[in-house]
Amino acid sequence: MRRKDREITNFDEIKSIIDAAMILHLALFDEHYPYIVPLHYGCDFSDGKIVLYMHCAKEGHKLNLIKANSSVCVEIETDVELISGGHIPCNYGSAFSSVVARGTINIPVSSEEKIHGLKLLMKHQTGKDFDINEQMADTVEVLKFVADSYSAKSRANSRTG
């Protein structure tokens, strides 16, 4: 990372960024061009790893790409705020916190894991616990991302105005 002064290495701080955001951007391989899609997610840090669960329709372009190549990248950002540069355009910037993670994504086959992922997703998005049964879980596809590597950085707004 070029800007070491903005780098975040503390895992608890990285988890806080992931917990605070609501949408991730999933980057997939699509022949000659990247394919990026925003998704809601839920998170699981239980084994000291970043594990994210998403859901989608049971068929479509995204699933076809995942089946062809499970290597993906995820980007999450929060605390985005314009930093004013006044009358000087080059002095403008953005405050933010972000995490970029590379890893693999798969489609869980067991109903238990699908339900677990959907419960985490709903808890993250709503703050509420839901009872989810197998019939509900069968109506969607669940995606499970496990990070192999990640980096995080943050820039606070030290200016006002």
N, C-alpha and C. Protein backbone atom coordinates (compact mmCIF):
# COMPACT_ATOMS: atom_id res chain seq x y z
N MET A 1 0.85 -1.18 0.00
CA MET A 1 0.00 0.00 0.00
C MET A 1 0.89 1.24 0.00
N ARG A 2 0.61 2.11 -0.92
CA ARG A 2 1.43 3.32 -1.08
C ARG A 2 1.28 4.25 0.12
N ARG A 3 0.08 4.49 0.59
CA ARG A 3 -0.16 5.43 1.68
C ARG A 3 -0.20 4.68 3.01
N LYS A 4 0.97 4.38 3.54
CA LYS A 4 1.06 3.64 4.80
C LYS A 4 0.41 4.39 5.95
N ASP A 5 0.34 5.72 5.84
CA ASP A 5 -0.28 6.52 6.90
C ASP A 5 -1.79 6.29 6.98
N ARG A 6 -2.36 5.71 5.95
CA ARG A 6 -3.81 5.44 5.94
C ARG A 6 -4.13 3.96 6.14
N GLU A 7 -3.11 3.14 6.16
CA GLU A 7 -3.32 1.69 6.26
C GLU A 7 -3.87 1.30 7.63
N ILE A 8 -4.80 0.37 7.62
CA ILE A 8 -5.36 -0.21 8.84
C ILE A 8 -4.95 -1.68 8.88
N THR A 9 -4.29 -2.08 9.95
CA THR A 9 -3.87 -3.47 10.09
C THR A 9 -4.56 -4.17 11.26
N ASN A 10 -5.14 -3.42 12.16
CA ASN A 10 -5.82 -3.99 13.32
C ASN A 10 -7.11 -4.68 12.86
N PHE A 11 -7.21 -5.98 13.13
CA PHE A 11 -8.35 -6.77 12.64
C PHE A 11 -9.68 -6.27 13.20
N ASP A 12 -9.69 -5.81 14.44
CA ASP A 12 -10.93 -5.28 15.02
C ASP A 12 -11.40 -4.03 14.29
N GLU A 13 -10.47 -3.18 13.87
CA GLU A 13 -10.84 -1.99 13.10
C GLU A 13 -11.37 -2.38 11.72
N ILE A 14 -10.76 -3.39 11.12
CA ILE A 14 -11.22 -3.87 9.81
C ILE A 14 -12.63 -4.45 9.95
N LYS A 15 -12.87 -5.22 11.00
CA LYS A 15 -14.21 -5.76 11.24
C LYS A 15 -15.21 -4.63 11.42
N SER A 16 -14.81 -3.56 12.08
CA SER A 16 -15.72 -2.42 12.30
C SER A 16 -16.14 -1.78 10.98
N ILE A 17 -15.21 -1.68 10.04
CA ILE A 17 -15.55 -1.13 8.72
C ILE A 17 -16.57 -2.03 8.03
N ILE A 18 -16.31 -3.33 8.05
CA ILE A 18 -17.21 -4.29 7.41
C ILE A 18 -18.58 -4.27 8.09
N ASP A 19 -18.59 -4.17 9.42
CA ASP A 19 -19.85 -4.12 10.15
C ASP A 19 -20.64 -2.84 9.87
N ALA A 20 -19.94 -1.73 9.64
CA ALA A 20 -20.61 -0.44 9.45
C ALA A 20 -21.23 -0.28 8.07
N ALA A 21 -20.63 -0.87 7.07
CA ALA A 21 -21.12 -0.72 5.70
C ALA A 21 -22.33 -1.63 5.47
N MET A 22 -23.08 -1.34 4.43
CA MET A 22 -24.28 -2.13 4.13
C MET A 22 -24.19 -2.84 2.78
N ILE A 23 -23.36 -2.33 1.89
CA ILE A 23 -23.26 -2.85 0.52
C ILE A 23 -21.80 -3.18 0.23
N LEU A 24 -21.57 -4.29 -0.44
CA LEU A 24 -20.24 -4.58 -0.95
C LEU A 24 -20.30 -4.59 -2.47
N HIS A 25 -19.14 -4.47 -3.09
CA HIS A 25 -19.03 -4.57 -4.54
C HIS A 25 -18.21 -5.82 -4.84
N LEU A 26 -18.83 -6.75 -5.55
CA LEU A 26 -18.22 -8.03 -5.89
C LEU A 26 -17.71 -7.96 -7.31
N ALA A 27 -16.40 -8.19 -7.48
CA ALA A 27 -15.77 -8.17 -8.81
C ALA A 27 -15.50 -9.59 -9.26
N LEU A 28 -15.99 -9.91 -10.46
CA LEU A 28 -15.86 -11.24 -11.04
C LEU A 28 -15.15 -11.14 -12.38
N PHE A 29 -14.61 -12.26 -12.85
CA PHE A 29 -14.00 -12.32 -14.18
C PHE A 29 -15.09 -12.56 -15.22
N ASP A 30 -15.12 -11.74 -16.26
CA ASP A 30 -16.08 -11.90 -17.35
C ASP A 30 -15.35 -11.72 -18.68
N GLU A 31 -14.60 -12.74 -19.06
CA GLU A 31 -13.80 -12.75 -20.28
C GLU A 31 -12.88 -11.54 -20.35
N HIS A 32 -13.20 -10.56 -21.19
CA HIS A 32 -12.28 -9.45 -21.42
C HIS A 32 -12.45 -8.28 -20.45
N TYR A 33 -13.54 -8.25 -19.71
CA TYR A 33 -13.82 -7.12 -18.83
C TYR A 33 -14.20 -7.60 -17.44
N PRO A 34 -13.87 -6.83 -16.41
CA PRO A 34 -14.37 -7.18 -15.08
C PRO A 34 -15.89 -7.00 -15.03
N TYR A 35 -16.52 -7.72 -14.15
CA TYR A 35 -17.96 -7.59 -13.92
C TYR A 35 -18.12 -7.29 -12.44
N ILE A 36 -18.68 -6.13 -12.12
CA ILE A 36 -18.80 -5.70 -10.73
C ILE A 36 -20.27 -5.51 -10.41
N VAL A 37 -20.68 -6.05 -9.26
CA VAL A 37 -22.08 -5.96 -8.87
C VAL A 37 -22.18 -5.61 -7.38
N PRO A 38 -23.05 -4.65 -7.02
CA PRO A 38 -23.27 -4.34 -5.60
C PRO A 38 -24.23 -5.36 -4.98
N LEU A 39 -23.94 -5.76 -3.75
CA LEU A 39 -24.77 -6.75 -3.06
C LEU A 39 -24.88 -6.43 -1.58
N HIS A 40 -26.02 -6.79 -0.98
CA HIS A 40 -26.13 -6.79 0.47
C HIS A 40 -25.35 -8.00 0.99
N TYR A 41 -24.95 -7.96 2.24
CA TYR A 41 -24.16 -9.07 2.78
C TYR A 41 -24.34 -9.20 4.28
N GLY A 42 -23.91 -10.33 4.77
CA GLY A 42 -23.77 -10.59 6.19
C GLY A 42 -22.36 -11.09 6.43
N CYS A 43 -21.86 -10.93 7.65
CA CYS A 43 -20.45 -11.28 7.90
C CYS A 43 -20.30 -12.24 9.07
N ASP A 44 -19.23 -13.02 8.98
CA ASP A 44 -18.89 -14.01 9.99
C ASP A 44 -17.38 -13.95 10.19
N PHE A 45 -16.96 -13.60 11.40
CA PHE A 45 -15.53 -13.50 11.71
C PHE A 45 -15.11 -14.58 12.70
N SER A 46 -15.88 -15.64 12.83
CA SER A 46 -15.71 -16.59 13.92
C SER A 46 -14.37 -17.31 13.96
N ASP A 47 -13.73 -17.55 12.86
CA ASP A 47 -12.45 -18.25 12.87
C ASP A 47 -11.28 -17.30 12.63
N GLY A 48 -11.47 -16.02 12.93
CA GLY A 48 -10.42 -15.04 12.67
C GLY A 48 -10.24 -14.76 11.19
N LYS A 49 -11.25 -15.12 10.40
CA LYS A 49 -11.23 -14.89 8.96
C LYS A 49 -12.37 -13.96 8.59
N ILE A 50 -12.27 -13.39 7.41
CA ILE A 50 -13.38 -12.62 6.86
C ILE A 50 -14.19 -13.55 5.98
N VAL A 51 -15.41 -13.83 6.41
CA VAL A 51 -16.34 -14.65 5.63
C VAL A 51 -17.60 -13.83 5.44
N LEU A 52 -18.01 -13.66 4.19
CA LEU A 52 -19.17 -12.85 3.86
C LEU A 52 -20.19 -13.70 3.11
N TYR A 53 -21.44 -13.52 3.45
CA TYR A 53 -22.54 -14.22 2.79
C TYR A 53 -23.40 -13.22 2.04
N MET A 54 -23.77 -13.56 0.82
CA MET A 54 -24.65 -12.75 -0.01
C MET A 54 -25.74 -13.66 -0.54
N HIS A 55 -26.75 -13.10 -1.17
CA HIS A 55 -27.77 -13.92 -1.81
C HIS A 55 -28.10 -13.34 -3.17
N CYS A 56 -28.66 -14.19 -4.01
CA CYS A 56 -29.02 -13.76 -5.37
C CYS A 56 -30.05 -14.72 -5.93
N ALA A 57 -30.47 -14.44 -7.16
CA ALA A 57 -31.39 -15.34 -7.85
C ALA A 57 -30.70 -16.69 -8.10
N LYS A 58 -31.49 -17.69 -8.34
CA LYS A 58 -30.96 -19.04 -8.52
C LYS A 58 -30.35 -19.29 -9.89
N GLU A 59 -30.46 -18.32 -10.79
CA GLU A 59 -29.80 -18.43 -12.09
C GLU A 59 -29.48 -17.03 -12.58
N GLY A 60 -28.52 -16.95 -13.50
CA GLY A 60 -28.18 -15.66 -14.07
C GLY A 60 -26.69 -15.53 -14.35
N HIS A 61 -26.35 -14.38 -14.89
CA HIS A 61 -24.98 -14.12 -15.33
C HIS A 61 -23.97 -14.22 -14.19
N LYS A 62 -24.30 -13.64 -13.05
CA LYS A 62 -23.40 -13.66 -11.90
C LYS A 62 -23.06 -15.10 -11.50
N LEU A 63 -24.06 -15.95 -11.40
CA LEU A 63 -23.81 -17.35 -11.03
C LEU A 63 -23.00 -18.08 -12.08
N ASN A 64 -23.26 -17.79 -13.34
CA ASN A 64 -22.47 -18.41 -14.41
C ASN A 64 -21.00 -18.04 -14.29
N LEU A 65 -20.73 -16.77 -13.97
CA LEU A 65 -19.34 -16.32 -13.82
C LEU A 65 -18.68 -16.98 -12.61
N ILE A 66 -19.40 -17.09 -11.51
CA ILE A 66 -18.86 -17.73 -10.30
C ILE A 66 -18.54 -19.20 -10.58
N LYS A 67 -19.42 -19.88 -11.29
CA LYS A 67 -19.18 -21.30 -11.61
C LYS A 67 -17.97 -21.47 -12.52
N ALA A 68 -17.71 -20.48 -13.37
CA ALA A 68 -16.57 -20.54 -14.28
C ALA A 68 -15.26 -20.19 -13.59
N ASN A 69 -15.30 -19.30 -12.60
CA ASN A 69 -14.08 -18.87 -11.91
C ASN A 69 -14.47 -18.34 -10.54
N SER A 70 -14.08 -19.05 -9.50
CA SER A 70 -14.48 -18.69 -8.14
C SER A 70 -13.53 -17.69 -7.48
N SER A 71 -12.50 -17.24 -8.18
CA SER A 71 -11.58 -16.22 -7.65
C SER A 71 -12.22 -14.85 -7.85
N VAL A 72 -12.42 -14.13 -6.74
CA VAL A 72 -13.12 -12.85 -6.81
C VAL A 72 -12.43 -11.82 -5.92
N CYS A 73 -12.90 -10.59 -6.04
CA CYS A 73 -12.45 -9.51 -5.18
C CYS A 73 -13.69 -8.79 -4.66
N VAL A 74 -13.63 -8.36 -3.41
CA VAL A 74 -14.73 -7.66 -2.76
C VAL A 74 -14.21 -6.32 -2.27
N GLU A 75 -15.01 -5.26 -2.47
CA GLU A 75 -14.67 -3.93 -1.96
C GLU A 75 -15.83 -3.43 -1.13
N ILE A 76 -15.49 -2.88 0.03
CA ILE A 76 -16.49 -2.33 0.96
C ILE A 76 -16.00 -0.96 1.40
N GLU A 77 -16.90 0.03 1.40
CA GLU A 77 -16.50 1.33 1.92
C GLU A 77 -17.60 1.92 2.78
N THR A 78 -17.18 2.77 3.70
CA THR A 78 -18.11 3.48 4.58
C THR A 78 -17.48 4.81 4.97
N ASP A 79 -18.24 5.62 5.68
CA ASP A 79 -17.77 6.93 6.16
C ASP A 79 -17.29 7.82 5.04
N VAL A 80 -17.93 7.74 3.88
CA VAL A 80 -17.52 8.56 2.73
C VAL A 80 -18.06 9.97 2.92
N GLU A 81 -17.15 10.93 2.79
CA GLU A 81 -17.50 12.33 3.00
C GLU A 81 -16.59 13.21 2.16
N LEU A 82 -17.15 14.22 1.55
CA LEU A 82 -16.37 15.17 0.77
C LEU A 82 -15.54 16.04 1.71
N ILE A 83 -14.27 16.20 1.37
CA ILE A 83 -13.39 17.13 2.08
C ILE A 83 -13.23 18.34 1.18
N SER A 84 -13.71 19.47 1.65
CA SER A 84 -13.71 20.69 0.85
C SER A 84 -12.30 21.23 0.66
N GLY A 85 -12.07 21.70 -0.55
CA GLY A 85 -10.82 22.38 -0.85
C GLY A 85 -11.03 23.87 -1.06
N GLY A 86 -12.22 24.34 -0.69
CA GLY A 86 -12.51 25.76 -0.85
C GLY A 86 -12.55 26.15 -2.31
N HIS A 87 -11.77 27.17 -2.66
CA HIS A 87 -11.74 27.67 -4.03
C HIS A 87 -10.68 26.99 -4.89
N ILE A 88 -9.97 26.00 -4.32
CA ILE A 88 -8.89 25.34 -5.05
C ILE A 88 -9.29 23.89 -5.33
N PRO A 89 -9.61 23.58 -6.58
CA PRO A 89 -10.08 22.23 -6.91
C PRO A 89 -9.13 21.12 -6.49
N CYS A 90 -7.84 21.35 -6.59
CA CYS A 90 -6.85 20.31 -6.28
C CYS A 90 -6.77 20.01 -4.78
N ASN A 91 -7.38 20.84 -3.96
CA ASN A 91 -7.37 20.62 -2.51
C ASN A 91 -8.55 19.78 -2.02
N TYR A 92 -9.46 19.43 -2.93
CA TYR A 92 -10.60 18.60 -2.54
C TYR A 92 -10.16 17.15 -2.38
N GLY A 93 -10.89 16.43 -1.60
CA GLY A 93 -10.61 15.02 -1.40
C GLY A 93 -11.81 14.34 -0.77
N SER A 94 -11.60 13.14 -0.28
CA SER A 94 -12.67 12.37 0.36
C SER A 94 -12.16 11.73 1.63
N ALA A 95 -13.00 11.78 2.64
CA ALA A 95 -12.77 10.97 3.83
C ALA A 95 -13.46 9.63 3.57
N PHE A 96 -12.93 8.54 4.11
CA PHE A 96 -13.50 7.21 3.86
C PHE A 96 -12.83 6.18 4.74
N SER A 97 -13.44 5.03 4.80
CA SER A 97 -12.82 3.82 5.34
C SER A 97 -13.17 2.71 4.35
N SER A 98 -12.20 1.87 4.00
CA SER A 98 -12.47 0.84 3.00
C SER A 98 -11.69 -0.44 3.28
N VAL A 99 -12.25 -1.53 2.78
CA VAL A 99 -11.60 -2.84 2.83
C VAL A 99 -11.68 -3.43 1.43
N VAL A 100 -10.57 -3.96 0.96
CA VAL A 100 -10.52 -4.71 -0.30
C VAL A 100 -10.01 -6.10 0.05
N ALA A 101 -10.76 -7.11 -0.35
CA ALA A 101 -10.39 -8.49 -0.03
C ALA A 101 -10.43 -9.35 -1.28
N ARG A 102 -9.42 -10.21 -1.40
CA ARG A 102 -9.39 -11.19 -2.49
C ARG A 102 -9.61 -12.56 -1.88
N GLY A 103 -10.31 -13.40 -2.63
CA GLY A 103 -10.56 -14.74 -2.11
C GLY A 103 -11.37 -15.56 -3.06
N THR A 104 -12.07 -16.53 -2.49
CA THR A 104 -12.89 -17.43 -3.30
C THR A 104 -14.34 -17.34 -2.85
N ILE A 105 -15.21 -17.59 -3.81
CA ILE A 105 -16.64 -17.57 -3.54
C ILE A 105 -17.20 -18.91 -3.97
N ASN A 106 -18.10 -19.44 -3.16
CA ASN A 106 -18.75 -20.70 -3.54
C ASN A 106 -20.23 -20.64 -3.21
N ILE A 107 -20.92 -21.63 -3.67
CA ILE A 107 -22.36 -21.74 -3.46
C ILE A 107 -22.58 -22.89 -2.48
N PRO A 108 -22.89 -22.58 -1.22
CA PRO A 108 -23.10 -23.65 -0.23
C PRO A 108 -24.21 -24.59 -0.67
N VAL A 109 -23.99 -25.87 -0.44
CA VAL A 109 -24.98 -26.86 -0.85
C VAL A 109 -25.89 -27.28 0.31
N SER A 110 -25.39 -27.23 1.52
CA SER A 110 -26.21 -27.68 2.65
C SER A 110 -27.22 -26.61 3.04
N SER A 111 -28.40 -27.06 3.38
CA SER A 111 -29.45 -26.14 3.84
C SER A 111 -29.01 -25.40 5.09
N GLU A 112 -28.28 -26.08 5.98
CA GLU A 112 -27.84 -25.47 7.22
C GLU A 112 -26.93 -24.27 6.95
N GLU A 113 -26.00 -24.43 6.01
CA GLU A 113 -25.09 -23.32 5.72
C GLU A 113 -25.82 -22.18 5.00
N LYS A 114 -26.74 -22.51 4.12
CA LYS A 114 -27.53 -21.47 3.46
C LYS A 114 -28.33 -20.67 4.49
N ILE A 115 -28.97 -21.37 5.41
CA ILE A 115 -29.76 -20.71 6.45
C ILE A 115 -28.87 -19.86 7.33
N HIS A 116 -27.71 -20.39 7.71
CA HIS A 116 -26.74 -19.62 8.51
C HIS A 116 -26.36 -18.33 7.79
N GLY A 117 -26.04 -18.42 6.51
CA GLY A 117 -25.67 -17.24 5.74
C GLY A 117 -26.80 -16.23 5.63
N LEU A 118 -28.01 -16.70 5.41
CA LEU A 118 -29.15 -15.79 5.30
C LEU A 118 -29.46 -15.11 6.64
N LYS A 119 -29.31 -15.84 7.73
CA LYS A 119 -29.52 -15.24 9.06
C LYS A 119 -28.49 -14.13 9.31
N LEU A 120 -27.23 -14.39 8.95
CA LEU A 120 -26.20 -13.37 9.12
C LEU A 120 -26.49 -12.15 8.24
N LEU A 121 -26.92 -12.39 7.01
CA LEU A 121 -27.25 -11.30 6.10
C LEU A 121 -28.38 -10.45 6.68
N MET A 122 -29.44 -11.07 7.13
CA MET A 122 -30.57 -10.32 7.68
C MET A 122 -30.19 -9.58 8.96
N LYS A 123 -29.37 -10.19 9.80
CA LYS A 123 -28.92 -9.54 11.03
C LYS A 123 -28.09 -8.30 10.70
N HIS A 124 -27.20 -8.43 9.73
CA HIS A 124 -26.34 -7.31 9.34
C HIS A 124 -27.17 -6.18 8.73
N GLN A 125 -28.12 -6.51 7.90
CA GLN A 125 -28.89 -5.50 7.18
C GLN A 125 -29.96 -4.84 8.05
N THR A 126 -30.54 -5.58 9.00
CA THR A 126 -31.68 -5.05 9.76
C THR A 126 -31.41 -4.89 11.25
N GLY A 127 -30.36 -5.57 11.75
CA GLY A 127 -30.11 -5.57 13.19
C GLY A 127 -31.03 -6.52 13.94
N LYS A 128 -31.83 -7.29 13.22
CA LYS A 128 -32.80 -8.20 13.84
C LYS A 128 -32.44 -9.65 13.54
N ASP A 129 -32.82 -10.53 14.48
CA ASP A 129 -32.70 -11.97 14.26
C ASP A 129 -33.99 -12.48 13.64
N PHE A 130 -33.87 -13.32 12.64
CA PHE A 130 -35.03 -13.89 11.96
C PHE A 130 -34.96 -15.41 12.00
N ASP A 131 -36.12 -16.04 12.06
CA ASP A 131 -36.21 -17.48 11.87
C ASP A 131 -36.31 -17.72 10.36
N ILE A 132 -35.38 -18.47 9.83
CA ILE A 132 -35.37 -18.79 8.41
C ILE A 132 -35.39 -20.30 8.29
N ASN A 133 -36.34 -20.80 7.52
CA ASN A 133 -36.44 -22.25 7.37
C ASN A 133 -35.91 -22.69 6.00
N GLU A 134 -35.88 -23.99 5.82
CA GLU A 134 -35.33 -24.56 4.59
C GLU A 134 -36.12 -24.12 3.36
N GLN A 135 -37.43 -24.03 3.50
CA GLN A 135 -38.28 -23.61 2.38
C GLN A 135 -37.92 -22.18 1.94
N MET A 136 -37.70 -21.30 2.90
CA MET A 136 -37.29 -19.92 2.58
C MET A 136 -35.93 -19.92 1.90
N ALA A 137 -35.00 -20.67 2.45
CA ALA A 137 -33.63 -20.70 1.92
C ALA A 137 -33.59 -21.25 0.50
N ASP A 138 -34.51 -22.14 0.18
CA ASP A 138 -34.52 -22.74 -1.15
C ASP A 138 -34.98 -21.79 -2.25
N THR A 139 -35.52 -20.63 -1.88
CA THR A 139 -36.02 -19.69 -2.89
C THR A 139 -34.92 -18.82 -3.48
N VAL A 140 -33.74 -18.81 -2.85
CA VAL A 140 -32.62 -17.99 -3.32
C VAL A 140 -31.36 -18.83 -3.37
N GLU A 141 -30.33 -18.28 -4.00
CA GLU A 141 -29.01 -18.88 -3.96
C GLU A 141 -28.20 -18.09 -2.95
N VAL A 142 -27.43 -18.78 -2.15
CA VAL A 142 -26.56 -18.13 -1.17
C VAL A 142 -25.13 -18.24 -1.67
N LEU A 143 -24.39 -17.16 -1.53
CA LEU A 143 -22.98 -17.12 -1.93
C LEU A 143 -22.14 -16.94 -0.68
N LYS A 144 -21.03 -17.68 -0.60
CA LYS A 144 -20.13 -17.59 0.55
C LYS A 144 -18.75 -17.19 0.06
N PHE A 145 -18.28 -16.03 0.53
CA PHE A 145 -16.95 -15.52 0.18
C PHE A 145 -16.03 -15.71 1.38
N VAL A 146 -14.85 -16.27 1.13
CA VAL A 146 -13.82 -16.41 2.16
C VAL A 146 -12.58 -15.67 1.68
N ALA A 147 -12.15 -14.69 2.47
CA ALA A 147 -11.00 -13.87 2.08
C ALA A 147 -9.70 -14.63 2.29
N ASP A 148 -8.85 -14.60 1.26
CA ASP A 148 -7.49 -15.14 1.36
C ASP A 148 -6.52 -14.04 1.77
N SER A 149 -6.78 -12.83 1.30
CA SER A 149 -5.95 -11.67 1.65
C SER A 149 -6.84 -10.44 1.64
N TYR A 150 -6.41 -9.43 2.37
CA TYR A 150 -7.19 -8.20 2.43
C TYR A 150 -6.30 -7.04 2.85
N SER A 151 -6.78 -5.85 2.53
CA SER A 151 -6.13 -4.63 2.99
C SER A 151 -7.23 -3.64 3.33
N ALA A 152 -6.89 -2.71 4.20
CA ALA A 152 -7.87 -1.70 4.61
C ALA A 152 -7.16 -0.38 4.80
N LYS A 153 -7.91 0.69 4.56
CA LYS A 153 -7.36 2.01 4.82
C LYS A 153 -8.47 2.97 5.16
N SER A 154 -8.05 4.09 5.74
CA SER A 154 -9.01 5.09 6.17
C SER A 154 -8.37 6.46 6.08
N ARG A 155 -9.21 7.43 5.76
CA ARG A 155 -8.78 8.83 5.76
C ARG A 155 -9.86 9.62 6.49
N ALA A 156 -9.48 10.22 7.58
CA ALA A 156 -10.42 11.03 8.35
C ALA A 156 -10.50 12.42 7.75
N ASN A 157 -11.60 13.09 7.99
CA ASN A 157 -11.76 14.47 7.55
C ASN A 157 -11.17 15.38 8.62
N SER A 158 -9.96 15.84 8.37
CA SER A 158 -9.29 16.71 9.34
C SER A 158 -9.58 18.19 9.08
N ARG A 159 -10.29 18.47 7.98
CA ARG A 159 -10.65 19.85 7.66
C ARG A 159 -12.13 20.08 7.94
N THR A 160 -12.49 21.32 8.07
CA THR A 160 -13.91 21.67 8.18
C THR A 160 -14.22 22.70 7.13
N GLY A 161 -15.52 22.76 6.76
CA GLY A 161 -15.94 23.80 5.81
C GLY A 161 -16.09 23.36 4.44
